[in-house]
C-alpha atoms as a PDB file:
ATOM      1  CA  UNK A   1    -112.267 -71.091-149.843  1.00  0.00           C
ATOM      2  CA  UNK A   2    -110.582 -68.354-151.842  1.00  0.00           C
ATOM      3  CA  UNK A   3    -106.954 -67.864-150.822  1.00  0.00           C
ATOM      4  CA  UNK A   4    -105.774 -64.376-149.915  1.00  0.00           C
ATOM      5  CA  UNK A   5    -102.415 -63.671-151.549  1.00  0.00           C
ATOM      6  CA  UNK A   6    -100.157 -60.856-150.435  1.00  0.00           C
ATOM      7  CA  UNK A   7     -97.210 -61.363-152.783  1.00  0.00           C
ATOM      8  CA  UNK A   8     -98.582 -58.831-155.290  1.00  0.00           C
ATOM      9  CA  UNK A   9    -101.341 -56.903-153.504  1.00  0.00           C
ATOM     10  CA  UNK A  10    -103.147 -53.893-154.849  1.00  0.00           C
ATOM     11  CA  UNK A  11    -101.600 -50.754-153.400  1.00  0.00           C
ATOM     12  CA  UNK A  12    -103.906 -48.217-151.737  1.00  0.00           C
ATOM     13  CA  UNK A  13    -103.869 -44.555-152.702  1.00  0.00           C
ATOM     14  CA  UNK A  14    -104.742 -41.371-150.827  1.00  0.00           C
ATOM     15  CA  UNK A  15    -108.415 -41.694-151.763  1.00  0.00           C
ATOM     16  CA  UNK A  16    -108.377 -44.983-149.839  1.00  0.00           C
ATOM     17  CA  UNK A  17    -107.100 -43.094-146.783  1.00  0.00           C
ATOM     18  CA  UNK A  18    -109.918 -40.562-147.094  1.00  0.00           C
ATOM     19  CA  UNK A  19    -112.433 -43.402-147.472  1.00  0.00           C
ATOM     20  CA  UNK A  20    -110.972 -45.089-144.392  1.00  0.00           C
ATOM     21  CA  UNK A  21    -111.245 -41.880-142.381  1.00  0.00           C
ATOM     22  CA  UNK A  22    -114.951 -41.670-143.190  1.00  0.00           C
ATOM     23  CA  UNK A  23    -115.499 -45.388-142.542  1.00  0.00           C
ATOM     24  CA  UNK A  24    -113.888 -45.441-139.090  1.00  0.00           C
ATOM     25  CA  UNK A  25    -115.061 -42.006-137.911  1.00  0.00           C
ATOM     26  CA  UNK A  26    -117.827 -43.464-135.749  1.00  0.00           C
ATOM     27  CA  UNK A  27    -115.433 -45.858-134.018  1.00  0.00           C
ATOM     28  CA  UNK A  28    -111.869 -44.488-133.846  1.00  0.00           C
ATOM     29  CA  UNK A  29    -110.707 -41.543-131.745  1.00  0.00           C
ATOM     30  CA  UNK A  30    -109.142 -38.405-133.157  1.00  0.00           C
ATOM     31  CA  UNK A  31    -106.075 -38.545-130.936  1.00  0.00           C
ATOM     32  CA  UNK A  32    -104.449 -35.375-129.574  1.00  0.00           C
ATOM     33  CA  UNK A  33    -101.207 -33.761-130.700  1.00  0.00           C
ATOM     34  CA  UNK A  34     -98.971 -33.012-127.707  1.00  0.00           C
ATOM     35  CA  UNK A  35     -96.184 -30.420-127.399  1.00  0.00           C
ATOM     36  CA  UNK A  36     -93.330 -30.302-124.880  1.00  0.00           C
ATOM     37  CA  UNK A  37     -90.944 -27.384-124.466  1.00  0.00           C
ATOM     38  CA  UNK A  38     -88.580 -29.711-122.553  1.00  0.00           C
ATOM     39  CA  UNK A  39     -88.381 -32.195-125.425  1.00  0.00           C
ATOM     40  CA  UNK A  40     -88.194 -29.386-128.001  1.00  0.00           C
ATOM     41  CA  UNK A  41     -85.094 -28.123-126.192  1.00  0.00           C
ATOM     42  CA  UNK A  42     -83.632 -31.634-126.045  1.00  0.00           C
ATOM     43  CA  UNK A  43     -84.071 -32.117-129.789  1.00  0.00           C
ATOM     44  CA  UNK A  44     -83.369 -28.540-130.880  1.00  0.00           C
ATOM     45  CA  UNK A  45     -86.563 -28.658-132.933  1.00  0.00           C
ATOM     46  CA  UNK A  46     -90.323 -28.165-132.725  1.00  0.00           C
ATOM     47  CA  UNK A  47     -91.824 -31.589-131.991  1.00  0.00           C
ATOM     48  CA  UNK A  48     -95.459 -32.456-132.619  1.00  0.00           C
ATOM     49  CA  UNK A  49     -96.341 -35.766-130.956  1.00  0.00           C
ATOM     50  CA  UNK A  50     -99.327 -37.617-132.436  1.00  0.00           C
ATOM     51  CA  UNK A  51    -100.584 -39.551-129.414  1.00  0.00           C
ATOM     52  CA  UNK A  52    -101.750 -42.861-130.842  1.00  0.00           C
ATOM     53  CA  UNK A  53    -101.217 -44.490-127.440  1.00  0.00           C
ATOM     54  CA  UNK A  54    -104.508 -42.750-126.612  1.00  0.00           C
ATOM     55  CA  UNK A  55    -106.290 -44.522-129.477  1.00  0.00           C
ATOM     56  CA  UNK A  56    -108.833 -47.256-128.702  1.00  0.00           C
ATOM     57  CA  UNK A  57    -106.925 -50.379-127.785  1.00  0.00           C
ATOM     58  CA  UNK A  58    -103.910 -48.280-126.845  1.00  0.00           C
ATOM     59  CA  UNK A  59    -102.351 -48.167-130.330  1.00  0.00           C
ATOM     60  CA  UNK A  60    -102.736 -46.893-133.905  1.00  0.00           C
ATOM     61  CA  UNK A  61    -103.511 -50.468-134.987  1.00  0.00           C
ATOM     62  CA  UNK A  62    -107.221 -49.975-134.296  1.00  0.00           C
ATOM     63  CA  UNK A  63    -107.454 -47.651-137.300  1.00  0.00           C
ATOM     64  CA  UNK A  64    -106.411 -50.242-139.853  1.00  0.00           C
ATOM     65  CA  UNK A  65    -108.188 -53.138-138.164  1.00  0.00           C
ATOM     66  CA  UNK A  66    -111.439 -51.180-137.931  1.00  0.00           C
ATOM     67  CA  UNK A  67    -111.223 -50.127-141.571  1.00  0.00           C
ATOM     68  CA  UNK A  68    -110.656 -53.739-142.662  1.00  0.00           C
ATOM     69  CA  UNK A  69    -113.505 -55.139-140.569  1.00  0.00           C
ATOM     70  CA  UNK A  70    -115.953 -52.416-141.557  1.00  0.00           C
ATOM     71  CA  UNK A  71    -115.046 -52.981-145.233  1.00  0.00           C
ATOM     72  CA  UNK A  72    -116.235 -56.614-145.198  1.00  0.00           C
ATOM     73  CA  UNK A  73    -119.477 -57.514-146.900  1.00  0.00           C
ATOM     74  CA  UNK A  74    -122.032 -59.454-144.848  1.00  0.00           C
ATOM     75  CA  UNK A  75    -121.114 -62.981-146.060  1.00  0.00           C
ATOM     76  CA  UNK A  76    -117.393 -62.422-145.395  1.00  0.00           C
ATOM     77  CA  UNK A  77    -118.094 -60.854-141.998  1.00  0.00           C
ATOM     78  CA  UNK A  78    -120.194 -63.876-141.005  1.00  0.00           C
ATOM     79  CA  UNK A  79    -117.135 -66.109-141.465  1.00  0.00           C
ATOM     80  CA  UNK A  80    -115.074 -63.956-139.106  1.00  0.00           C
ATOM     81  CA  UNK A  81    -111.523 -62.662-139.413  1.00  0.00           C
ATOM     82  CA  UNK A  82    -108.079 -64.069-138.687  1.00  0.00           C
ATOM     83  CA  UNK A  83    -104.596 -62.650-138.287  1.00  0.00           C
ATOM     84  CA  UNK A  84    -101.193 -63.194-136.713  1.00  0.00           C
ATOM     85  CA  UNK A  85     -99.840 -60.628-134.274  1.00  0.00           C
ATOM     86  CA  UNK A  86     -97.393 -60.090-131.438  1.00  0.00           C
ATOM     87  CA  UNK A  87    -100.064 -58.052-129.703  1.00  0.00           C
ATOM     88  CA  UNK A  88    -101.328 -54.626-130.773  1.00  0.00           C
ATOM     89  CA  UNK A  89    -102.776 -55.635-134.142  1.00  0.00           C
ATOM     90  CA  UNK A  90    -104.358 -58.732-132.621  1.00  0.00           C
ATOM     91  CA  UNK A  91    -105.976 -56.692-129.870  1.00  0.00           C
ATOM     92  CA  UNK A  92    -107.136 -54.080-132.378  1.00  0.00           C
ATOM     93  CA  UNK A  93    -108.654 -56.665-134.706  1.00  0.00           C
ATOM     94  CA  UNK A  94    -110.327 -58.408-131.772  1.00  0.00           C
ATOM     95  CA  UNK A  95    -111.895 -55.109-130.687  1.00  0.00           C
ATOM     96  CA  UNK A  96    -112.973 -54.215-134.225  1.00  0.00           C
ATOM     97  CA  UNK A  97    -114.524 -57.660-134.663  1.00  0.00           C
ATOM     98  CA  UNK A  98    -116.277 -57.399-131.303  1.00  0.00           C
ATOM     99  CA  UNK A  99    -117.798 -54.060-132.313  1.00  0.00           C
ATOM    100  CA  UNK A 100    -119.215 -55.690-135.447  1.00  0.00           C
ATOM    101  CA  UNK A 101    -120.250 -58.852-133.609  1.00  0.00           C
ATOM    102  CA  UNK A 102    -118.118 -61.313-135.586  1.00  0.00           C
ATOM    103  CA  UNK A 103    -115.554 -63.988-134.697  1.00  0.00           C
ATOM    104  CA  UNK A 104    -111.835 -63.228-134.530  1.00  0.00           C
ATOM    105  CA  UNK A 105    -108.886 -65.660-134.535  1.00  0.00           C
ATOM    106  CA  UNK A 106    -105.419 -64.419-133.592  1.00  0.00           C
ATOM    107  CA  UNK A 107    -102.189 -66.396-133.989  1.00  0.00           C
ATOM    108  CA  UNK A 108     -99.680 -65.250-131.357  1.00  0.00           C
ATOM    109  CA  UNK A 109     -95.995 -66.200-131.006  1.00  0.00           C
ATOM    110  CA  UNK A 110     -94.610 -67.624-127.785  1.00  0.00           C
ATOM    111  CA  UNK A 111     -93.072 -64.871-125.659  1.00  0.00           C
ATOM    112  CA  UNK A 112     -95.541 -62.187-126.764  1.00  0.00           C
ATOM    113  CA  UNK A 113     -96.221 -59.259-124.428  1.00  0.00           C
ATOM    114  CA  UNK A 114     -98.671 -60.547-121.767  1.00  0.00           C
ATOM    115  CA  UNK A 115    -100.461 -57.193-121.486  1.00  0.00           C
ATOM    116  CA  UNK A 116    -101.226 -57.298-125.190  1.00  0.00           C
ATOM    117  CA  UNK A 117    -102.341 -60.934-124.998  1.00  0.00           C
ATOM    118  CA  UNK A 118    -104.720 -60.043-122.170  1.00  0.00           C
ATOM    119  CA  UNK A 119    -106.228 -57.334-124.371  1.00  0.00           C
ATOM    120  CA  UNK A 120    -106.802 -59.850-127.171  1.00  0.00           C
ATOM    121  CA  UNK A 121    -108.544 -62.229-124.770  1.00  0.00           C
ATOM    122  CA  UNK A 122    -110.575 -59.440-123.191  1.00  0.00           C
ATOM    123  CA  UNK A 123    -112.124 -58.566-126.547  1.00  0.00           C
ATOM    124  CA  UNK A 124    -113.200 -62.154-127.075  1.00  0.00           C
ATOM    125  CA  UNK A 125    -110.777 -63.389-129.735  1.00  0.00           C
ATOM    126  CA  UNK A 126    -109.654 -67.010-129.965  1.00  0.00           C
ATOM    127  CA  UNK A 127    -105.880 -67.371-129.466  1.00  0.00           C
ATOM    128  CA  UNK A 128    -103.734 -69.823-131.435  1.00  0.00           C
ATOM    129  CA  UNK A 129    -100.143 -70.237-130.222  1.00  0.00           C
ATOM    130  CA  UNK A 130     -97.121 -70.703-132.473  1.00  0.00           C
ATOM    131  CA  UNK A 131     -93.327 -70.571-132.353  1.00  0.00           C
ATOM    132  CA  UNK A 132     -91.590 -67.161-132.633  1.00  0.00           C
ATOM    133  CA  UNK A 133     -90.765 -65.857-136.092  1.00  0.00           C
ATOM    134  CA  UNK A 134     -92.730 -64.675-139.114  1.00  0.00           C
ATOM    135  CA  UNK A 135     -92.625 -68.027-140.942  1.00  0.00           C
ATOM    136  CA  UNK A 136     -94.219 -69.859-138.008  1.00  0.00           C
ATOM    137  CA  UNK A 137     -96.847 -67.156-137.587  1.00  0.00           C
ATOM    138  CA  UNK A 138     -97.848 -67.177-141.241  1.00  0.00           C
ATOM    139  CA  UNK A 139     -97.974 -70.986-141.418  1.00  0.00           C
ATOM    140  CA  UNK A 140    -100.251 -71.224-138.376  1.00  0.00           C
ATOM    141  CA  UNK A 141    -102.439 -68.386-139.649  1.00  0.00           C
ATOM    142  CA  UNK A 142    -102.882 -70.144-143.010  1.00  0.00           C
ATOM    143  CA  UNK A 143    -103.973 -73.280-141.143  1.00  0.00           C
ATOM    144  CA  UNK A 144    -106.489 -71.305-139.078  1.00  0.00           C
ATOM    145  CA  UNK A 145    -107.900 -69.809-142.285  1.00  0.00           C
ATOM    146  CA  UNK A 146    -108.318 -73.250-143.808  1.00  0.00           C
ATOM    147  CA  UNK A 147    -110.038 -74.525-140.677  1.00  0.00           C
ATOM    148  CA  UNK A 148    -112.393 -71.567-140.172  1.00  0.00           C
ATOM    149  CA  UNK A 149    -112.831 -69.916-143.625  1.00  0.00           C
ATOM    150  CA  UNK A 150    -112.162 -66.607-141.864  1.00  0.00           C
ATOM    151  CA  UNK A 151    -110.962 -63.603-143.874  1.00  0.00           C
ATOM    152  CA  UNK A 152    -107.290 -62.819-143.374  1.00  0.00           C
ATOM    153  CA  UNK A 153    -106.584 -59.296-142.138  1.00  0.00           C
ATOM    154  CA  UNK A 154    -102.815 -59.154-142.433  1.00  0.00           C
ATOM    155  CA  UNK A 155    -101.114 -56.946-139.819  1.00  0.00           C
ATOM    156  CA  UNK A 156     -99.478 -54.694-142.417  1.00  0.00           C
ATOM    157  CA  UNK A 157     -99.553 -56.119-145.984  1.00  0.00           C
ATOM    158  CA  UNK A 158    -103.258 -55.388-146.505  1.00  0.00           C
ATOM    159  CA  UNK A 159    -104.469 -52.375-148.480  1.00  0.00           C
ATOM    160  CA  UNK A 160    -107.383 -51.804-146.086  1.00  0.00           C
ATOM    161  CA  UNK A 161    -105.052 -51.853-143.076  1.00  0.00           C
ATOM    162  CA  UNK A 162    -102.509 -49.542-144.729  1.00  0.00           C
ATOM    163  CA  UNK A 163    -105.222 -47.035-145.648  1.00  0.00           C
ATOM    164  CA  UNK A 164    -106.610 -47.082-142.124  1.00  0.00           C
ATOM    165  CA  UNK A 165    -103.193 -46.497-140.579  1.00  0.00           C
ATOM    166  CA  UNK A 166    -102.706 -43.505-142.873  1.00  0.00           C
ATOM    167  CA  UNK A 167    -105.510 -41.671-141.073  1.00  0.00           C
ATOM    168  CA  UNK A 168    -103.215 -40.924-138.094  1.00  0.00           C
ATOM    169  CA  UNK A 169    -100.878 -38.796-140.226  1.00  0.00           C
ATOM    170  CA  UNK A 170    -103.908 -37.330-142.009  1.00  0.00           C
ATOM    171  CA  UNK A 171    -105.133 -35.990-138.660  1.00  0.00           C
ATOM    172  CA  UNK A 172    -101.651 -34.784-137.712  1.00  0.00           C
ATOM    173  CA  UNK A 173    -101.277 -32.702-140.882  1.00  0.00           C
ATOM    174  CA  UNK A 174    -104.836 -31.388-140.503  1.00  0.00           C
ATOM    175  CA  UNK A 175    -103.977 -30.033-137.058  1.00  0.00           C
ATOM    176  CA  UNK A 176    -100.380 -28.914-137.584  1.00  0.00           C
ATOM    177  CA  UNK A 177    -100.186 -27.999-141.261  1.00  0.00           C
ATOM    178  CA  UNK A 178     -97.039 -28.656-143.265  1.00  0.00           C
ATOM    179  CA  UNK A 179     -94.118 -30.295-141.474  1.00  0.00           C
ATOM    180  CA  UNK A 180     -90.446 -30.621-142.407  1.00  0.00           C
ATOM    181  CA  UNK A 181     -89.974 -34.227-141.259  1.00  0.00           C
ATOM    182  CA  UNK A 182     -92.391 -36.962-140.199  1.00  0.00           C
ATOM    183  CA  UNK A 183     -90.904 -39.672-137.964  1.00  0.00           C
ATOM    184  CA  UNK A 184     -92.664 -43.031-137.819  1.00  0.00           C
ATOM    185  CA  UNK A 185     -91.681 -46.372-136.220  1.00  0.00           C
ATOM    186  CA  UNK A 186     -91.374 -49.201-138.751  1.00  0.00           C
ATOM    187  CA  UNK A 187     -91.757 -52.946-138.397  1.00  0.00           C
ATOM    188  CA  UNK A 188     -93.953 -54.516-141.047  1.00  0.00           C
ATOM    189  CA  UNK A 189     -94.566 -51.062-142.489  1.00  0.00           C
ATOM    190  CA  UNK A 190     -98.348 -50.578-142.277  1.00  0.00           C
ATOM    191  CA  UNK A 191     -98.171 -47.310-140.352  1.00  0.00           C
ATOM    192  CA  UNK A 192     -95.150 -46.092-142.312  1.00  0.00           C
ATOM    193  CA  UNK A 193     -96.645 -46.744-145.764  1.00  0.00           C
ATOM    194  CA  UNK A 194    -100.054 -45.361-144.797  1.00  0.00           C
ATOM    195  CA  UNK A 195     -98.339 -42.259-143.417  1.00  0.00           C
ATOM    196  CA  UNK A 196     -96.465 -41.888-146.711  1.00  0.00           C
ATOM    197  CA  UNK A 197     -99.787 -41.546-148.550  1.00  0.00           C
ATOM    198  CA  UNK A 198    -101.001 -38.762-146.264  1.00  0.00           C
ATOM    199  CA  UNK A 199     -97.630 -37.036-146.335  1.00  0.00           C
ATOM    200  CA  UNK A 200     -97.533 -36.938-150.138  1.00  0.00           C
ATOM    201  CA  UNK A 201    -101.026 -35.426-150.288  1.00  0.00           C
ATOM    202  CA  UNK A 202    -100.933 -33.029-147.357  1.00  0.00           C
ATOM    203  CA  UNK A 203     -97.274 -32.036-146.895  1.00  0.00           C
ATOM    204  CA  UNK A 204     -95.414 -33.060-150.072  1.00  0.00           C
ATOM    205  CA  UNK A 205     -92.148 -31.331-149.118  1.00  0.00           C
ATOM    206  CA  UNK A 206     -92.019 -33.208-145.822  1.00  0.00           C
ATOM    207  CA  UNK A 207     -89.363 -35.926-145.486  1.00  0.00           C
ATOM    208  CA  UNK A 208     -90.280 -39.365-144.139  1.00  0.00           C
ATOM    209  CA  UNK A 209     -87.885 -40.716-141.498  1.00  0.00           C
ATOM    210  CA  UNK A 210     -88.462 -44.246-140.199  1.00  0.00           C
ATOM    211  CA  UNK A 211     -87.245 -45.554-136.838  1.00  0.00           C
ATOM    212  CA  UNK A 212     -86.260 -49.234-136.696  1.00  0.00           C
ATOM    213  CA  UNK A 213     -84.580 -51.416-134.036  1.00  0.00           C
ATOM    214  CA  UNK A 214     -80.933 -52.129-134.852  1.00  0.00           C
ATOM    215  CA  UNK A 215     -81.448 -55.888-134.406  1.00  0.00           C
ATOM    216  CA  UNK A 216     -84.430 -55.844-136.806  1.00  0.00           C
ATOM    217  CA  UNK A 217     -83.008 -53.610-139.529  1.00  0.00           C
ATOM    218  CA  UNK A 218     -84.588 -55.273-142.571  1.00  0.00           C
ATOM    219  CA  UNK A 219     -86.293 -52.036-143.679  1.00  0.00           C
ATOM    220  CA  UNK A 220     -82.953 -50.200-143.608  1.00  0.00           C
ATOM    221  CA  UNK A 221     -81.256 -52.913-145.666  1.00  0.00           C
ATOM    222  CA  UNK A 222     -84.203 -53.325-148.030  1.00  0.00           C
ATOM    223  CA  UNK A 223     -84.493 -49.644-148.931  1.00  0.00           C
ATOM    224  CA  UNK A 224     -80.725 -49.252-149.190  1.00  0.00           C
ATOM    225  CA  UNK A 225     -80.313 -52.267-151.496  1.00  0.00           C
ATOM    226  CA  UNK A 226     -83.494 -51.806-153.549  1.00  0.00           C
ATOM    227  CA  UNK A 227     -85.089 -55.164-152.749  1.00  0.00           C
ATOM    228  CA  UNK A 228     -86.622 -56.749-149.676  1.00  0.00           C
ATOM    229  CA  UNK A 229     -84.106 -58.220-147.236  1.00  0.00           C
ATOM    230  CA  UNK A 230     -85.729 -60.253-144.483  1.00  0.00           C
ATOM    231  CA  UNK A 231     -84.158 -60.647-141.071  1.00  0.00           C
ATOM    232  CA  UNK A 232     -82.195 -63.893-140.997  1.00  0.00           C
ATOM    233  CA  UNK A 233     -82.947 -64.397-137.298  1.00  0.00           C
ATOM    234  CA  UNK A 234     -85.705 -63.718-134.785  1.00  0.00           C
ATOM    235  CA  UNK A 235     -84.865 -60.167-133.651  1.00  0.00           C
ATOM    236  CA  UNK A 236     -84.096 -59.458-130.015  1.00  0.00           C
ATOM    237  CA  UNK A 237     -85.330 -55.987-129.080  1.00  0.00           C
ATOM    238  CA  UNK A 238     -87.398 -54.234-126.424  1.00  0.00           C
ATOM    239  CA  UNK A 239     -89.542 -52.972-129.324  1.00  0.00           C
ATOM    240  CA  UNK A 240     -91.726 -56.078-129.443  1.00  0.00           C
ATOM    241  CA  UNK A 241     -94.113 -54.471-131.947  1.00  0.00           C
ATOM    242  CA  UNK A 242     -91.335 -53.875-134.513  1.00  0.00           C
ATOM    243  CA  UNK A 243     -89.930 -57.374-134.988  1.00  0.00           C
ATOM    244  CA  UNK A 244     -91.856 -58.165-138.179  1.00  0.00           C
ATOM    245  CA  UNK A 245     -90.241 -58.118-141.616  1.00  0.00           C
ATOM    246  CA  UNK A 246     -91.192 -55.302-143.985  1.00  0.00           C
ATOM    247  CA  UNK A 247     -94.151 -56.339-146.156  1.00  0.00           C
ATOM    248  CA  UNK A 248     -94.033 -56.415-149.954  1.00  0.00           C
ATOM    249  CA  UNK A 249     -96.570 -53.621-150.604  1.00  0.00           C
ATOM    250  CA  UNK A 250     -95.114 -51.588-147.760  1.00  0.00           C
ATOM    251  CA  UNK A 251     -91.622 -51.844-149.244  1.00  0.00           C
ATOM    252  CA  UNK A 252     -92.896 -50.713-152.638  1.00  0.00           C
ATOM    253  CA  UNK A 253     -94.711 -47.722-151.162  1.00  0.00           C
ATOM    254  CA  UNK A 254     -91.834 -46.637-148.918  1.00  0.00           C
ATOM    255  CA  UNK A 255     -89.378 -46.916-151.774  1.00  0.00           C
ATOM    256  CA  UNK A 256     -91.604 -44.641-153.866  1.00  0.00           C
ATOM    257  CA  UNK A 257     -91.788 -42.217-150.933  1.00  0.00           C
ATOM    258  CA  UNK A 258     -87.963 -42.040-150.672  1.00  0.00           C
ATOM    259  CA  UNK A 259     -88.187 -42.917-147.003  1.00  0.00           C
ATOM    260  CA  UNK A 260     -85.009 -42.908-144.941  1.00  0.00           C
ATOM    261  CA  UNK A 261     -84.484 -45.383-142.105  1.00  0.00           C
ATOM    262  CA  UNK A 262     -82.593 -44.866-138.850  1.00  0.00           C
ATOM    263  CA  UNK A 263     -81.564 -48.059-137.026  1.00  0.00           C
ATOM    264  CA  UNK A 264     -81.702 -47.406-133.279  1.00  0.00           C
ATOM    265  CA  UNK A 265     -80.176 -49.581-130.573  1.00  0.00           C
ATOM    266  CA  UNK A 266     -82.273 -50.504-127.555  1.00  0.00           C
ATOM    267  CA  UNK A 267     -80.221 -48.397-125.155  1.00  0.00           C
ATOM    268  CA  UNK A 268     -81.076 -45.254-127.115  1.00  0.00           C
ATOM    269  CA  UNK A 269     -84.737 -46.293-127.279  1.00  0.00           C
ATOM    270  CA  UNK A 270     -84.860 -46.771-123.512  1.00  0.00           C
ATOM    271  CA  UNK A 271     -83.247 -43.360-122.970  1.00  0.00           C
ATOM    272  CA  UNK A 272     -85.972 -41.823-125.163  1.00  0.00           C
ATOM    273  CA  UNK A 273     -88.604 -43.802-123.252  1.00  0.00           C
ATOM    274  CA  UNK A 274     -87.424 -42.314-119.960  1.00  0.00           C
ATOM    275  CA  UNK A 275     -87.473 -38.807-121.466  1.00  0.00           C
ATOM    276  CA  UNK A 276     -91.053 -39.311-122.656  1.00  0.00           C
ATOM    277  CA  UNK A 277     -92.304 -40.849-119.412  1.00  0.00           C
ATOM    278  CA  UNK A 278     -91.394 -37.678-117.493  1.00  0.00           C
ATOM    279  CA  UNK A 279     -94.526 -36.240-119.116  1.00  0.00           C
ATOM    280  CA  UNK A 280     -97.714 -38.055-117.991  1.00  0.00           C
ATOM    281  CA  UNK A 281     -99.253 -37.449-121.432  1.00  0.00           C
ATOM    282  CA  UNK A 282     -96.439 -39.343-123.173  1.00  0.00           C
ATOM    283  CA  UNK A 283     -96.282 -42.667-121.356  1.00  0.00           C
ATOM    284  CA  UNK A 284     -95.723 -44.910-124.338  1.00  0.00           C
ATOM    285  CA  UNK A 285     -94.204 -48.319-125.069  1.00  0.00           C
ATOM    286  CA  UNK A 286     -90.669 -48.800-126.423  1.00  0.00           C
ATOM    287  CA  UNK A 287     -91.972 -49.347-129.969  1.00  0.00           C
ATOM    288  CA  UNK A 288     -93.206 -45.728-129.807  1.00  0.00           C
ATOM    289  CA  UNK A 289     -90.239 -44.254-127.969  1.00  0.00           C
ATOM    290  CA  UNK A 290     -87.941 -45.365-130.777  1.00  0.00           C
ATOM    291  CA  UNK A 291     -89.367 -42.510-132.892  1.00  0.00           C
ATOM    292  CA  UNK A 292     -88.026 -39.909-130.451  1.00  0.00           C
ATOM    293  CA  UNK A 293     -84.761 -41.855-130.272  1.00  0.00           C
ATOM    294  CA  UNK A 294     -84.438 -41.523-134.052  1.00  0.00           C
ATOM    295  CA  UNK A 295     -84.990 -37.759-133.787  1.00  0.00           C
ATOM    296  CA  UNK A 296     -82.264 -37.479-131.146  1.00  0.00           C
ATOM    297  CA  UNK A 297     -79.927 -39.628-133.266  1.00  0.00           C
ATOM    298  CA  UNK A 298     -80.151 -37.147-136.167  1.00  0.00           C
ATOM    299  CA  UNK A 299     -79.589 -33.693-134.630  1.00  0.00           C
ATOM    300  CA  UNK A 300     -78.283 -32.235-137.884  1.00  0.00           C
ATOM    301  CA  UNK A 301     -81.414 -33.377-139.737  1.00  0.00           C
ATOM    302  CA  UNK A 302     -83.958 -31.954-137.320  1.00  0.00           C
ATOM    303  CA  UNK A 303     -82.363 -28.838-135.835  1.00  0.00           C
ATOM    304  CA  UNK A 304     -84.702 -25.841-136.074  1.00  0.00           C
ATOM    305  CA  UNK A 305     -87.348 -27.783-137.999  1.00  0.00           C
ATOM    306  CA  UNK A 306     -90.978 -28.747-137.476  1.00  0.00           C
ATOM    307  CA  UNK A 307     -90.992 -32.474-136.753  1.00  0.00           C
ATOM    308  CA  UNK A 308     -94.043 -34.717-136.560  1.00  0.00           C
ATOM    309  CA  UNK A 309     -93.548 -37.780-134.359  1.00  0.00           C
ATOM    310  CA  UNK A 310     -96.112 -40.570-134.361  1.00  0.00           C
ATOM    311  CA  UNK A 311     -96.220 -42.243-130.947  1.00  0.00           C
ATOM    312  CA  UNK A 312     -97.668 -45.528-132.088  1.00  0.00           C
ATOM    313  CA  UNK A 313     -98.821 -47.194-128.864  1.00  0.00           C
ATOM    314  CA  UNK A 314     -98.698 -47.370-125.092  1.00  0.00           C
ATOM    315  CA  UNK A 315     -99.294 -50.988-124.094  1.00  0.00           C
ATOM    316  CA  UNK A 316     -96.508 -51.682-121.610  1.00  0.00           C
ATOM    317  CA  UNK A 317     -96.219 -54.717-119.337  1.00  0.00           C
ATOM    318  CA  UNK A 318     -96.322 -53.076-115.863  1.00  0.00           C
ATOM    319  CA  UNK A 319     -93.985 -55.737-114.488  1.00  0.00           C
ATOM    320  CA  UNK A 320     -91.352 -54.532-116.969  1.00  0.00           C
ATOM    321  CA  UNK A 321     -91.637 -50.834-116.133  1.00  0.00           C
ATOM    322  CA  UNK A 322     -89.037 -50.719-113.344  1.00  0.00           C
ATOM    323  CA  UNK A 323     -86.506 -52.344-115.668  1.00  0.00           C
ATOM    324  CA  UNK A 324     -87.372 -50.205-118.674  1.00  0.00           C
ATOM    325  CA  UNK A 325     -87.384 -46.921-116.798  1.00  0.00           C
ATOM    326  CA  UNK A 326     -84.178 -47.789-114.961  1.00  0.00           C
ATOM    327  CA  UNK A 327     -82.486 -48.018-118.309  1.00  0.00           C
ATOM    328  CA  UNK A 328     -81.305 -51.598-117.835  1.00  0.00           C
ATOM    329  CA  UNK A 329     -81.820 -54.097-120.616  1.00  0.00           C
ATOM    330  CA  UNK A 330     -84.551 -56.683-119.939  1.00  0.00           C
ATOM    331  CA  UNK A 331     -83.548 -60.297-120.307  1.00  0.00           C
ATOM    332  CA  UNK A 332     -84.389 -61.644-123.766  1.00  0.00           C
ATOM    333  CA  UNK A 333     -87.294 -64.065-123.838  1.00  0.00           C
END
């Protein structure tokens, strides 16, 4: 079996985003852009919320997963796909594989969001459990690849995935025109780096502001120091979708884009979550709410400007909602 290396991957360009948009058009939704005068007043800016929590599978991840699966030739598709994921990417890949009628293997860490795990199961993927942490996830995923000969679809360090994720910002700029700042949550960096491609092509004067949990601030440290700096521990944060380390191609692309990172503590993220949940259109998960929290943390940067905010997903464990919306910190798992 040919090994899939991600240490020096080919970087996608904007043409790859356009190709992805055409490839996934029959499967992915064009999600709405929501406005809120209440939240505009809170931020002192015009906010344009790209509602990726209304995407198939409840998150932007379906875009990249669908593009990757639909890109496979017939022999590769017959062998199925594999990945590691804390939830949204796994569910998205499982759905994309189901739509094409191929097998899907997903490595999931212990303690993953049960709602997201249920979505993976519901779409027919085979789950493989591992210990928390990126190293354990990647080791188990490599073993699954060896056992199954499935094609790896990495959650963020895959050119096909990055290009697919860039279609969300492509749609946002198509609807709203030029923006002053685009705010995107960042974990592994697939959405952020894909968004950077669309931003450069469609709104080149727009600044890219990334929102990252304070306990998983590897993107902040990496971009500040000019080389990748992995988290030395398993991050503890309510933003379960943003615990991954920034990928190598994603780092390179975000560095080129001069992206700025805001590290946000969980208390601020939960305050933003409560502000969003007052609007029934904006009932997102903490990994999305952190984008609004970053806006509110930088009043001098956003005041009076047109701000795009990508709300990345809405898959919340209903058992956790009373805790999250009460503003109390959930117990770490």
